[in-house]
Amino acid sequence: MKIIVSGAGAWGCALALSAARHPAGHAVTLWARDASQAERMRAERQNARYLPGLPFPPALTLASGDLAALWPGADLVIVATPMAALRGMLLALHGCTAPVAWLCKGFEAATGAESGGLLAHEVQALVAPRLLAGAFSGPSFAQEVALGQPTALVAASPHDRVRAALVSALHSPSLRVYANEDIVGVEVGGAVKNVLAIATGLCDGLALGLNARAALITRGLAEMTRLGVALGARPETFMGLSGLGDLVLTATGDLSRNRRVGLLLAQGRSLAQTLESLGHVAEGVYSARTVARRAALLGVEMPITRAVVALLDGRLSPADAVALLMGRGPASELMH
């Protein structure tokens, strides 16, 4: 297969490495927006900033400049940009006939007081409706995928051609790829788990204990499922890799940037200090408000998400956020 990966951050490089090492012998091109970055990676044969010490295999080609020039004959285009850049990248893919899949997780920021922000597939439906597209998601850290450690992910799309292309490109002895038609559920899981990971990091940073962590993850899964079902997802999707699996990994894994945000806020750092220390994008910080707004417009109750938003906005201290959640009245587990 001829595979194009657009975006040379940690995730783009990790997927490009995985595809280039595939036993089928794919021809993989990693495209970087910054020409100087592409030249540096070409000379060093690694991404020294995001994945230092992991050499690029010979089958991986580096490119920059005109992305459209790479499309002819492509069997799959993978978009590896943050959520904020997805709309522009989809517009740039106008005329592309190859299957397209994005890696970003989250909601696009709302554009007005009456709008709730959009999931990736909703953005695509607006700006590039003719693309055959989908999402590639699930519980994974870029570093472990790049190292070839065992991972299971989900190829989500209403189009069989997109799901089949992702499976053919990336299913390997170290990376198991499951197909799923429920792109709404997969994307909601990928977006909300980042917000919940901030809450779990806060819980751990305040040393509230493992009981509290388990309760927070479980109730967070309930929030995620309520929002997803309201948006048209299948409930069973949230018990799979892109729901429960991704939530557990991001909420408890030491490589999780969103969990790290919660840990640092619990230590008394400001949000600005926290983000400066990360050096990477933490999507939960940028999508939390949009998740809460979308839920409010749908009448979906998401108290953990609301508490995270108040914490990020500086309206609640870490201790007050915990007190707010624990001070809620009794309720039926299955109804709230």
C-alpha atoms as a PDB file:
ATOM      1  CA  MET A   1       0.000   0.000   0.000  1.00  0.00           C
ATOM      2  CA  LYS A   2       0.942   3.622  -0.534  1.00  0.00           C
ATOM      3  CA  ILE A   3       0.247   5.464   2.728  1.00  0.00           C
ATOM      4  CA  ILE A   4       0.507   9.206   3.411  1.00  0.00           C
ATOM      5  CA  VAL A   5       0.714  10.444   7.023  1.00  0.00           C
ATOM      6  CA  SER A   6       0.179  14.211   7.272  1.00  0.00           C
ATOM      7  CA  GLY A   7       1.509  15.621  10.524  1.00  0.00           C
ATOM      8  CA  ALA A   8       4.876  14.820  12.089  1.00  0.00           C
ATOM      9  CA  GLY A   9       4.155  15.084  15.786  1.00  0.00           C
ATOM     10  CA  ALA A  10       4.430  12.147  18.153  1.00  0.00           C
ATOM     11  CA  TRP A  11       1.325  10.367  16.890  1.00  0.00           C
ATOM     12  CA  GLY A  12       1.977  10.930  13.217  1.00  0.00           C
ATOM     13  CA  CYS A  13       5.512   9.601  13.545  1.00  0.00           C
ATOM     14  CA  ALA A  14       4.399   6.620  15.632  1.00  0.00           C
ATOM     15  CA  LEU A  15       1.794   5.525  13.064  1.00  0.00           C
ATOM     16  CA  ALA A  16       4.204   6.154  10.189  1.00  0.00           C
ATOM     17  CA  LEU A  17       6.815   3.983  11.922  1.00  0.00           C
ATOM     18  CA  SER A  18       4.282   1.236  12.532  1.00  0.00           C
ATOM     19  CA  ALA A  19       3.067   1.273   8.918  1.00  0.00           C
ATOM     20  CA  ALA A  20       6.610   1.381   7.516  1.00  0.00           C
ATOM     21  CA  ARG A  21       7.585  -1.689   9.554  1.00  0.00           C
ATOM     22  CA  HIS A  22       4.539  -3.647   8.410  1.00  0.00           C
ATOM     23  CA  PRO A  23       5.295  -7.127   7.026  1.00  0.00           C
ATOM     24  CA  ALA A  24       3.399  -6.273   3.831  1.00  0.00           C
ATOM     25  CA  GLY A  25       6.107  -3.766   2.861  1.00  0.00           C
ATOM     26  CA  HIS A  26       4.047  -0.567   2.616  1.00  0.00           C
ATOM     27  CA  ALA A  27       5.473   2.582   1.022  1.00  0.00           C
ATOM     28  CA  VAL A  28       4.957   5.253   3.678  1.00  0.00           C
ATOM     29  CA  THR A  29       5.461   9.014   3.372  1.00  0.00           C
ATOM     30  CA  LEU A  30       5.475  11.234   6.460  1.00  0.00           C
ATOM     31  CA  TRP A  31       4.552  14.804   5.571  1.00  0.00           C
ATOM     32  CA  ALA A  32       5.563  17.704   7.826  1.00  0.00           C
ATOM     33  CA  ARG A  33       4.073  21.184   7.518  1.00  0.00           C
ATOM     34  CA  ASP A  34       7.404  22.713   8.545  1.00  0.00           C
ATOM     35  CA  ALA A  35       9.997  22.184   5.815  1.00  0.00           C
ATOM     36  CA  SER A  36      12.893  22.663   8.243  1.00  0.00           C
ATOM     37  CA  GLN A  37      11.479  19.969  10.515  1.00  0.00           C
ATOM     38  CA  ALA A  38      11.159  17.585   7.566  1.00  0.00           C
ATOM     39  CA  GLU A  39      14.749  18.268   6.550  1.00  0.00           C
ATOM     40  CA  ARG A  40      15.992  17.734  10.100  1.00  0.00           C
ATOM     41  CA  MET A  41      14.164  14.407  10.390  1.00  0.00           C
ATOM     42  CA  ARG A  42      15.439  13.386   6.950  1.00  0.00           C
ATOM     43  CA  ALA A  43      19.021  14.061   8.020  1.00  0.00           C
ATOM     44  CA  GLU A  44      18.750  12.488  11.479  1.00  0.00           C
ATOM     45  CA  ARG A  45      16.361   9.653  10.472  1.00  0.00           C
ATOM     46  CA  GLN A  46      14.375  10.175  13.667  1.00  0.00           C
ATOM     47  CA  ASN A  47      12.027  12.643  15.339  1.00  0.00           C
ATOM     48  CA  ALA A  48      14.400  13.850  18.023  1.00  0.00           C
ATOM     49  CA  ARG A  49      11.800  16.122  19.627  1.00  0.00           C
ATOM     50  CA  TYR A  50       8.900  13.721  20.137  1.00  0.00           C
ATOM     51  CA  LEU A  51      10.343  10.206  19.763  1.00  0.00           C
ATOM     52  CA  PRO A  52      14.103  10.446  20.348  1.00  0.00           C
ATOM     53  CA  GLY A  53      16.181   7.333  19.822  1.00  0.00           C
ATOM     54  CA  LEU A  54      13.672   5.587  17.555  1.00  0.00           C
ATOM     55  CA  PRO A  55      15.221   5.379  14.069  1.00  0.00           C
ATOM     56  CA  PHE A  56      13.082   5.673  10.951  1.00  0.00           C
ATOM     57  CA  PRO A  57      13.060   2.481   8.835  1.00  0.00           C
ATOM     58  CA  PRO A  58      14.250   2.711   5.211  1.00  0.00           C
ATOM     59  CA  ALA A  59      10.661   2.345   3.958  1.00  0.00           C
ATOM     60  CA  LEU A  60       9.715   5.709   5.512  1.00  0.00           C
ATOM     61  CA  THR A  61      10.062   8.768   3.263  1.00  0.00           C
ATOM     62  CA  LEU A  62      10.019  12.360   4.580  1.00  0.00           C
ATOM     63  CA  ALA A  63       8.233  15.134   2.701  1.00  0.00           C
ATOM     64  CA  SER A  64       6.962  18.710   3.024  1.00  0.00           C
ATOM     65  CA  GLY A  65       5.517  21.333   0.695  1.00  0.00           C
ATOM     66  CA  ASP A  66       2.604  20.500  -1.619  1.00  0.00           C
ATOM     67  CA  LEU A  67       0.596  17.793   0.135  1.00  0.00           C
ATOM     68  CA  ALA A  68      -1.721  17.346  -2.857  1.00  0.00           C
ATOM     69  CA  ALA A  69       1.228  16.187  -4.956  1.00  0.00           C
ATOM     70  CA  LEU A  70       1.428  13.061  -2.773  1.00  0.00           C
ATOM     71  CA  TRP A  71      -2.166  11.891  -3.314  1.00  0.00           C
ATOM     72  CA  PRO A  72      -1.940  10.258  -6.753  1.00  0.00           C
ATOM     73  CA  GLY A  73      -1.996   6.502  -6.265  1.00  0.00           C
ATOM     74  CA  ALA A  74      -2.370   6.744  -2.479  1.00  0.00           C
ATOM     75  CA  ASP A  75      -4.304   3.938  -0.787  1.00  0.00           C
ATOM     76  CA  LEU A  76      -4.736   5.736   2.557  1.00  0.00           C
ATOM     77  CA  VAL A  77      -4.191   9.234   3.967  1.00  0.00           C
ATOM     78  CA  ILE A  78      -3.815   9.545   7.752  1.00  0.00           C
ATOM     79  CA  VAL A  79      -4.340  13.011   9.260  1.00  0.00           C
ATOM     80  CA  ALA A  80      -2.216  13.351  12.395  1.00  0.00           C
ATOM     81  CA  THR A  81      -2.932  16.916  13.501  1.00  0.00           C
ATOM     82  CA  PRO A  82      -4.486  18.277  16.709  1.00  0.00           C
ATOM     83  CA  MET A  83      -8.249  18.810  16.638  1.00  0.00           C
ATOM     84  CA  ALA A  84      -7.830  22.550  16.134  1.00  0.00           C
ATOM     85  CA  ALA A  85      -6.070  21.951  12.797  1.00  0.00           C
ATOM     86  CA  LEU A  86      -8.405  19.276  11.432  1.00  0.00           C
ATOM     87  CA  ARG A  87     -10.768  21.612   9.585  1.00  0.00           C
ATOM     88  CA  GLY A  88      -7.937  23.217   7.640  1.00  0.00           C
ATOM     89  CA  MET A  89      -6.402  19.860   6.792  1.00  0.00           C
ATOM     90  CA  LEU A  90      -9.731  18.496   5.531  1.00  0.00           C
ATOM     91  CA  LEU A  91     -10.163  21.568   3.339  1.00  0.00           C
ATOM     92  CA  ALA A  92      -6.667  20.944   1.962  1.00  0.00           C
ATOM     93  CA  LEU A  93      -7.711  17.383   1.086  1.00  0.00           C
ATOM     94  CA  HIS A  94     -10.337  18.619  -1.381  1.00  0.00           C
ATOM     95  CA  GLY A  95     -10.270  16.316  -4.379  1.00  0.00           C
ATOM     96  CA  CYS A  96      -8.535  13.437  -2.602  1.00  0.00           C
ATOM     97  CA  THR A  97     -10.126  10.115  -3.572  1.00  0.00           C
ATOM     98  CA  ALA A  98      -8.173   7.861  -1.189  1.00  0.00           C
ATOM     99  CA  PRO A  99      -9.686   6.821   2.162  1.00  0.00           C
ATOM    100  CA  VAL A 100      -8.861   9.359   4.897  1.00  0.00           C
ATOM    101  CA  ALA A 101      -8.595   8.758   8.650  1.00  0.00           C
ATOM    102  CA  TRP A 102      -7.844  11.199  11.457  1.00  0.00           C
ATOM    103  CA  LEU A 103      -6.105  10.500  14.761  1.00  0.00           C
ATOM    104  CA  CYS A 104      -7.227  13.558  16.757  1.00  0.00           C
ATOM    105  CA  LYS A 105      -9.609  13.162  19.682  1.00  0.00           C
ATOM    106  CA  GLY A 106     -11.887  15.883  20.945  1.00  0.00           C
ATOM    107  CA  PHE A 107     -14.489  18.458  19.960  1.00  0.00           C
ATOM    108  CA  GLU A 108     -13.747  21.424  17.749  1.00  0.00           C
ATOM    109  CA  ALA A 109     -14.166  24.614  19.763  1.00  0.00           C
ATOM    110  CA  ALA A 110     -17.639  26.133  19.577  1.00  0.00           C
ATOM    111  CA  THR A 111     -17.927  29.189  17.333  1.00  0.00           C
ATOM    112  CA  GLY A 112     -20.836  30.928  19.086  1.00  0.00           C
ATOM    113  CA  ALA A 113     -22.920  30.958  22.232  1.00  0.00           C
ATOM    114  CA  GLU A 114     -25.659  28.896  20.625  1.00  0.00           C
ATOM    115  CA  SER A 115     -23.429  26.210  19.115  1.00  0.00           C
ATOM    116  CA  GLY A 116     -21.943  23.282  20.965  1.00  0.00           C
ATOM    117  CA  GLY A 117     -18.785  22.483  19.033  1.00  0.00           C
ATOM    118  CA  LEU A 118     -18.351  19.596  16.612  1.00  0.00           C
ATOM    119  CA  LEU A 119     -16.868  16.122  16.615  1.00  0.00           C
ATOM    120  CA  ALA A 120     -14.377  15.345  13.853  1.00  0.00           C
ATOM    121  CA  HIS A 121     -16.850  13.512  11.624  1.00  0.00           C
ATOM    122  CA  GLU A 122     -19.259  16.463  11.943  1.00  0.00           C
ATOM    123  CA  VAL A 123     -16.519  18.848  10.830  1.00  0.00           C
ATOM    124  CA  GLN A 124     -15.793  16.592   7.868  1.00  0.00           C
ATOM    125  CA  ALA A 125     -19.478  16.443   6.899  1.00  0.00           C
ATOM    126  CA  LEU A 126     -19.506  20.250   6.709  1.00  0.00           C
ATOM    127  CA  VAL A 127     -16.232  21.039   4.960  1.00  0.00           C
ATOM    128  CA  ALA A 128     -15.382  17.892   2.961  1.00  0.00           C
ATOM    129  CA  PRO A 129     -18.552  15.788   2.625  1.00  0.00           C
ATOM    130  CA  ARG A 130     -17.287  13.851  -0.391  1.00  0.00           C
ATOM    131  CA  LEU A 131     -14.295  12.366   1.422  1.00  0.00           C
ATOM    132  CA  LEU A 132     -14.450   8.706   2.366  1.00  0.00           C
ATOM    133  CA  ALA A 133     -13.300   9.197   5.929  1.00  0.00           C
ATOM    134  CA  GLY A 134     -13.195   7.863   9.457  1.00  0.00           C
ATOM    135  CA  ALA A 135     -11.367   7.864  12.783  1.00  0.00           C
ATOM    136  CA  PHE A 136      -8.513   5.740  14.121  1.00  0.00           C
ATOM    137  CA  SER A 137      -8.722   5.637  17.889  1.00  0.00           C
ATOM    138  CA  GLY A 138      -8.401   3.574  21.047  1.00  0.00           C
ATOM    139  CA  PRO A 139      -6.200   3.100  24.127  1.00  0.00           C
ATOM    140  CA  SER A 140      -2.681   3.957  23.072  1.00  0.00           C
ATOM    141  CA  PHE A 141       0.351   6.088  23.793  1.00  0.00           C
ATOM    142  CA  ALA A 142       2.395   7.147  20.778  1.00  0.00           C
ATOM    143  CA  GLN A 143       5.673   6.101  22.382  1.00  0.00           C
ATOM    144  CA  GLU A 144       4.530   2.506  22.923  1.00  0.00           C
ATOM    145  CA  VAL A 145       3.166   2.209  19.382  1.00  0.00           C
ATOM    146  CA  ALA A 146       6.446   3.542  18.022  1.00  0.00           C
ATOM    147  CA  LEU A 147       8.332   0.956  20.091  1.00  0.00           C
ATOM    148  CA  GLY A 148       6.194  -1.822  18.627  1.00  0.00           C
ATOM    149  CA  GLN A 149       4.669  -2.763  21.976  1.00  0.00           C
ATOM    150  CA  PRO A 150       1.343  -4.679  21.829  1.00  0.00           C
ATOM    151  CA  THR A 151      -1.590  -2.356  21.156  1.00  0.00           C
ATOM    152  CA  ALA A 152      -5.232  -2.699  20.057  1.00  0.00           C
ATOM    153  CA  LEU A 153      -7.013   0.137  18.220  1.00  0.00           C
ATOM    154  CA  VAL A 154     -10.298   0.799  16.430  1.00  0.00           C
ATOM    155  CA  ALA A 155     -10.898   1.737  12.797  1.00  0.00           C
ATOM    156  CA  ALA A 156     -14.220   3.598  12.903  1.00  0.00           C
ATOM    157  CA  SER A 157     -16.143   4.675   9.825  1.00  0.00           C
ATOM    158  CA  PRO A 158     -19.516   4.220   8.171  1.00  0.00           C
ATOM    159  CA  HIS A 159     -17.562   3.300   5.010  1.00  0.00           C
ATOM    160  CA  ASP A 160     -16.305  -0.252   4.659  1.00  0.00           C
ATOM    161  CA  ARG A 161     -13.512   0.921   2.339  1.00  0.00           C
ATOM    162  CA  VAL A 162     -12.061   3.165   5.057  1.00  0.00           C
ATOM    163  CA  ARG A 163     -12.218   0.456   7.723  1.00  0.00           C
ATOM    164  CA  ALA A 164     -10.644  -2.088   5.368  1.00  0.00           C
ATOM    165  CA  ALA A 165      -7.835   0.319   4.385  1.00  0.00           C
ATOM    166  CA  LEU A 166      -6.904   0.951   8.021  1.00  0.00           C
ATOM    167  CA  VAL A 167      -6.902  -2.751   8.825  1.00  0.00           C
ATOM    168  CA  SER A 168      -4.746  -3.560   5.782  1.00  0.00           C
ATOM    169  CA  ALA A 169      -2.338  -0.709   6.514  1.00  0.00           C
ATOM    170  CA  LEU A 170      -1.810  -1.186  10.235  1.00  0.00           C
ATOM    171  CA  HIS A 171      -2.992  -4.577  11.524  1.00  0.00           C
ATOM    172  CA  SER A 172       0.223  -6.407  12.405  1.00  0.00           C
ATOM    173  CA  PRO A 173       1.776  -8.731  15.005  1.00  0.00           C
ATOM    174  CA  SER A 174       2.191  -5.749  17.371  1.00  0.00           C
ATOM    175  CA  LEU A 175      -0.890  -3.699  16.478  1.00  0.00           C
ATOM    176  CA  ARG A 176      -4.340  -5.278  16.415  1.00  0.00           C
ATOM    177  CA  VAL A 177      -6.988  -3.258  14.552  1.00  0.00           C
ATOM    178  CA  TYR A 178     -10.711  -3.792  15.144  1.00  0.00           C
ATOM    179  CA  ALA A 179     -13.330  -2.369  12.766  1.00  0.00           C
ATOM    180  CA  ASN A 180     -16.377  -0.471  14.064  1.00  0.00           C
ATOM    181  CA  GLU A 181     -19.148   1.340  12.170  1.00  0.00           C
ATOM    182  CA  ASP A 182     -20.087   3.487  15.195  1.00  0.00           C
ATOM    183  CA  ILE A 183     -17.925   6.530  14.536  1.00  0.00           C
ATOM    184  CA  VAL A 184     -20.057   8.669  16.860  1.00  0.00           C
ATOM    185  CA  GLY A 185     -19.398   6.410  19.843  1.00  0.00           C
ATOM    186  CA  VAL A 186     -15.713   6.037  19.066  1.00  0.00           C
ATOM    187  CA  GLU A 187     -15.230   9.798  18.765  1.00  0.00           C
ATOM    188  CA  VAL A 188     -17.234  10.638  21.895  1.00  0.00           C
ATOM    189  CA  GLY A 189     -15.146   8.143  23.867  1.00  0.00           C
ATOM    190  CA  GLY A 190     -11.924   9.655  22.543  1.00  0.00           C
ATOM    191  CA  ALA A 191     -13.043  13.180  23.390  1.00  0.00           C
ATOM    192  CA  VAL A 192     -14.562  12.739  26.839  1.00  0.00           C
ATOM    193  CA  LYS A 193     -11.868  10.429  28.257  1.00  0.00           C
ATOM    194  CA  ASN A 194      -9.356  13.273  28.044  1.00  0.00           C
ATOM    195  CA  VAL A 195     -11.535  15.456  30.258  1.00  0.00           C
ATOM    196  CA  LEU A 196     -12.084  12.626  32.732  1.00  0.00           C
ATOM    197  CA  ALA A 197      -8.340  11.941  32.844  1.00  0.00           C
ATOM    198  CA  ILE A 198      -7.788  15.476  34.153  1.00  0.00           C
ATOM    199  CA  ALA A 199     -10.254  14.727  36.949  1.00  0.00           C
ATOM    200  CA  THR A 200      -8.533  11.439  37.767  1.00  0.00           C
ATOM    201  CA  GLY A 201      -5.122  13.102  37.827  1.00  0.00           C
ATOM    202  CA  LEU A 202      -6.548  15.636  40.256  1.00  0.00           C
ATOM    203  CA  CYS A 203      -7.884  12.796  42.412  1.00  0.00           C
ATOM    204  CA  ASP A 204      -4.491  11.074  42.504  1.00  0.00           C
ATOM    205  CA  GLY A 205      -2.613  14.327  43.009  1.00  0.00           C
ATOM    206  CA  LEU A 206      -4.704  15.024  46.105  1.00  0.00           C
ATOM    207  CA  ALA A 207      -3.989  11.464  47.367  1.00  0.00           C
ATOM    208  CA  LEU A 208      -7.678  10.647  47.702  1.00  0.00           C
ATOM    209  CA  GLY A 209      -7.028   6.921  47.350  1.00  0.00           C
ATOM    210  CA  LEU A 210      -7.766   4.052  44.983  1.00  0.00           C
ATOM    211  CA  ASN A 211     -11.433   3.853  46.009  1.00  0.00           C
ATOM    212  CA  ALA A 212     -11.921   7.419  44.834  1.00  0.00           C
ATOM    213  CA  ARG A 213     -10.080   6.730  41.588  1.00  0.00           C
ATOM    214  CA  ALA A 214     -12.272   3.698  40.833  1.00  0.00           C
ATOM    215  CA  ALA A 215     -15.431   5.640  41.589  1.00  0.00           C
ATOM    216  CA  LEU A 216     -14.353   8.549  39.410  1.00  0.00           C
ATOM    217  CA  ILE A 217     -13.499   6.359  36.414  1.00  0.00           C
ATOM    218  CA  THR A 218     -16.747   4.411  36.712  1.00  0.00           C
ATOM    219  CA  ARG A 219     -18.956   7.474  37.045  1.00  0.00           C
ATOM    220  CA  GLY A 220     -16.987   9.126  34.280  1.00  0.00           C
ATOM    221  CA  LEU A 221     -17.788   6.206  32.005  1.00  0.00           C
ATOM    222  CA  ALA A 222     -21.469   6.760  32.810  1.00  0.00           C
ATOM    223  CA  GLU A 223     -21.142  10.435  31.789  1.00  0.00           C
ATOM    224  CA  MET A 224     -19.387   9.491  28.567  1.00  0.00           C
ATOM    225  CA  THR A 225     -22.069   6.933  27.696  1.00  0.00           C
ATOM    226  CA  ARG A 226     -24.958   9.347  28.380  1.00  0.00           C
ATOM    227  CA  LEU A 227     -23.493  11.957  26.060  1.00  0.00           C
ATOM    228  CA  GLY A 228     -22.686   9.419  23.365  1.00  0.00           C
ATOM    229  CA  VAL A 229     -26.156   7.872  23.355  1.00  0.00           C
ATOM    230  CA  ALA A 230     -27.712  11.348  23.179  1.00  0.00           C
ATOM    231  CA  LEU A 231     -25.611  11.985  20.060  1.00  0.00           C
ATOM    232  CA  GLY A 232     -26.700   8.712  18.444  1.00  0.00           C
ATOM    233  CA  ALA A 233     -23.946   6.296  19.506  1.00  0.00           C
ATOM    234  CA  ARG A 234     -24.438   2.676  20.463  1.00  0.00           C
ATOM    235  CA  PRO A 235     -24.164   2.063  24.226  1.00  0.00           C
ATOM    236  CA  GLU A 236     -22.011  -1.057  23.744  1.00  0.00           C
ATOM    237  CA  THR A 237     -19.274   0.993  22.060  1.00  0.00           C
ATOM    238  CA  PHE A 238     -18.414   2.537  25.424  1.00  0.00           C
ATOM    239  CA  MET A 239     -17.601  -0.867  26.903  1.00  0.00           C
ATOM    240  CA  GLY A 240     -14.986  -1.377  24.173  1.00  0.00           C
ATOM    241  CA  LEU A 241     -11.514  -0.128  23.324  1.00  0.00           C
ATOM    242  CA  SER A 242     -12.441   3.458  22.469  1.00  0.00           C
ATOM    243  CA  GLY A 243     -14.621   3.848  25.575  1.00  0.00           C
ATOM    244  CA  LEU A 244     -13.640   1.984  28.720  1.00  0.00           C
ATOM    245  CA  GLY A 245     -10.239   0.975  27.313  1.00  0.00           C
ATOM    246  CA  ASP A 246      -9.135   4.477  26.369  1.00  0.00           C
ATOM    247  CA  LEU A 247     -10.569   5.938  29.571  1.00  0.00           C
ATOM    248  CA  VAL A 248      -8.671   3.544  31.840  1.00  0.00           C
ATOM    249  CA  LEU A 249      -5.397   4.064  29.979  1.00  0.00           C
ATOM    250  CA  THR A 250      -5.595   7.857  29.864  1.00  0.00           C
ATOM    251  CA  ALA A 251      -6.839   8.197  33.439  1.00  0.00           C
ATOM    252  CA  THR A 252      -4.179   5.954  35.000  1.00  0.00           C
ATOM    253  CA  GLY A 253      -1.182   5.819  32.634  1.00  0.00           C
ATOM    254  CA  ASP A 254       1.941   7.749  33.534  1.00  0.00           C
ATOM    255  CA  LEU A 255       2.409   8.795  29.890  1.00  0.00           C
ATOM    256  CA  SER A 256      -0.982  10.546  29.832  1.00  0.00           C
ATOM    257  CA  ARG A 257      -0.670  14.301  29.301  1.00  0.00           C
ATOM    258  CA  ASN A 258      -4.256  14.912  30.431  1.00  0.00           C
ATOM    259  CA  ARG A 259      -3.721  12.984  33.675  1.00  0.00           C
ATOM    260  CA  ARG A 260      -0.546  15.036  34.163  1.00  0.00           C
ATOM    261  CA  VAL A 261      -2.607  18.231  33.955  1.00  0.00           C
ATOM    262  CA  GLY A 262      -4.709  17.087  36.898  1.00  0.00           C
ATOM    263  CA  LEU A 263      -1.657  16.056  38.900  1.00  0.00           C
ATOM    264  CA  LEU A 264       0.019  19.431  38.420  1.00  0.00           C
ATOM    265  CA  LEU A 265      -3.127  21.404  39.220  1.00  0.00           C
ATOM    266  CA  ALA A 266      -3.449  19.394  42.436  1.00  0.00           C
ATOM    267  CA  GLN A 267       0.056  20.567  43.352  1.00  0.00           C
ATOM    268  CA  GLY A 268      -1.124  24.160  43.197  1.00  0.00           C
ATOM    269  CA  ARG A 269       0.280  25.113  39.802  1.00  0.00           C
ATOM    270  CA  SER A 270      -1.729  27.452  37.614  1.00  0.00           C
ATOM    271  CA  LEU A 271      -3.138  26.239  34.325  1.00  0.00           C
ATOM    272  CA  ALA A 272      -0.617  28.384  32.420  1.00  0.00           C
ATOM    273  CA  GLN A 273       2.298  26.891  34.378  1.00  0.00           C
ATOM    274  CA  THR A 274       0.906  23.411  33.845  1.00  0.00           C
ATOM    275  CA  LEU A 275       0.579  23.759  30.084  1.00  0.00           C
ATOM    276  CA  GLU A 276       4.037  25.303  29.787  1.00  0.00           C
ATOM    277  CA  SER A 277       5.603  22.344  31.586  1.00  0.00           C
ATOM    278  CA  LEU A 278       3.917  19.748  29.358  1.00  0.00           C
ATOM    279  CA  GLY A 279       5.495  20.685  26.044  1.00  0.00           C
ATOM    280  CA  HIS A 280       2.721  18.781  24.210  1.00  0.00           C
ATOM    281  CA  VAL A 281      -0.958  19.369  23.504  1.00  0.00           C
ATOM    282  CA  ALA A 282      -3.356  18.106  26.200  1.00  0.00           C
ATOM    283  CA  GLU A 283      -6.634  17.902  24.279  1.00  0.00           C
ATOM    284  CA  GLY A 284      -8.763  17.646  27.418  1.00  0.00           C
ATOM    285  CA  VAL A 285      -7.881  21.221  28.384  1.00  0.00           C
ATOM    286  CA  TYR A 286      -9.149  22.548  25.065  1.00  0.00           C
ATOM    287  CA  SER A 287     -12.217  20.324  24.696  1.00  0.00           C
ATOM    288  CA  ALA A 288     -13.575  20.303  28.274  1.00  0.00           C
ATOM    289  CA  ARG A 289     -15.660  23.446  27.830  1.00  0.00           C
ATOM    290  CA  THR A 290     -16.997  22.247  24.510  1.00  0.00           C
ATOM    291  CA  VAL A 291     -17.937  18.846  25.950  1.00  0.00           C
ATOM    292  CA  ALA A 292     -19.814  20.587  28.767  1.00  0.00           C
ATOM    293  CA  ARG A 293     -21.561  22.959  26.371  1.00  0.00           C
ATOM    294  CA  ARG A 294     -22.615  20.184  23.995  1.00  0.00           C
ATOM    295  CA  ALA A 295     -23.953  18.187  26.948  1.00  0.00           C
ATOM    296  CA  ALA A 296     -25.887  21.191  28.262  1.00  0.00           C
ATOM    297  CA  LEU A 297     -27.517  21.796  24.874  1.00  0.00           C
ATOM    298  CA  LEU A 298     -28.632  18.149  24.851  1.00  0.00           C
ATOM    299  CA  GLY A 299     -29.791  18.186  28.462  1.00  0.00           C
ATOM    300  CA  VAL A 300     -27.200  15.571  29.468  1.00  0.00           C
ATOM    301  CA  GLU A 301     -25.998  15.585  33.073  1.00  0.00           C
ATOM    302  CA  MET A 302     -22.162  15.575  33.320  1.00  0.00           C
ATOM    303  CA  PRO A 303     -21.132  16.747  36.801  1.00  0.00           C
ATOM    304  CA  ILE A 304     -17.506  15.564  36.592  1.00  0.00           C
ATOM    305  CA  THR A 305     -17.013  17.412  33.330  1.00  0.00           C
ATOM    306  CA  ARG A 306     -18.586  20.568  34.769  1.00  0.00           C
ATOM    307  CA  ALA A 307     -16.251  20.402  37.767  1.00  0.00           C
ATOM    308  CA  VAL A 308     -13.219  20.061  35.477  1.00  0.00           C
ATOM    309  CA  VAL A 309     -14.326  23.115  33.485  1.00  0.00           C
ATOM    310  CA  ALA A 310     -14.751  25.148  36.674  1.00  0.00           C
ATOM    311  CA  LEU A 311     -11.290  24.031  37.810  1.00  0.00           C
ATOM    312  CA  LEU A 312      -9.677  24.968  34.482  1.00  0.00           C
ATOM    313  CA  ASP A 313     -11.465  28.345  34.502  1.00  0.00           C
ATOM    314  CA  GLY A 314     -10.178  29.060  38.004  1.00  0.00           C
ATOM    315  CA  ARG A 315     -13.675  29.142  39.516  1.00  0.00           C
ATOM    316  CA  LEU A 316     -12.941  26.169  41.775  1.00  0.00           C
ATOM    317  CA  SER A 317      -9.840  25.098  43.671  1.00  0.00           C
ATOM    318  CA  PRO A 318      -8.834  21.418  43.468  1.00  0.00           C
ATOM    319  CA  ALA A 319     -10.232  20.761  46.966  1.00  0.00           C
ATOM    320  CA  ASP A 320     -13.466  22.607  46.190  1.00  0.00           C
ATOM    321  CA  ALA A 321     -13.941  20.594  42.980  1.00  0.00           C
ATOM    322  CA  VAL A 322     -13.757  17.363  44.980  1.00  0.00           C
ATOM    323  CA  ALA A 323     -16.108  18.724  47.657  1.00  0.00           C
ATOM    324  CA  LEU A 324     -18.619  19.718  44.987  1.00  0.00           C
ATOM    325  CA  LEU A 325     -18.709  16.222  43.505  1.00  0.00           C
ATOM    326  CA  MET A 326     -18.878  14.440  46.850  1.00  0.00           C
ATOM    327  CA  GLY A 327     -21.560  16.818  48.112  1.00  0.00           C
ATOM    328  CA  ARG A 328     -24.111  15.881  45.462  1.00  0.00           C
ATOM    329  CA  GLY A 329     -27.320  14.318  46.726  1.00  0.00           C
ATOM    330  CA  PRO A 330     -28.031  10.544  46.575  1.00  0.00           C
ATOM    331  CA  ALA A 331     -29.222   9.098  43.284  1.00  0.00           C
ATOM    332  CA  SER A 332     -29.907   5.820  41.503  1.00  0.00           C
ATOM    333  CA  GLU A 333     -26.746   4.466  39.880  1.00  0.00           C
ATOM    334  CA  LEU A 334     -28.537   3.401  36.693  1.00  0.00           C
ATOM    335  CA  MET A 335     -30.453   6.629  36.228  1.00  0.00           C
ATOM    336  CA  HIS A 336     -27.770   9.260  36.933  1.00  0.00           C
END
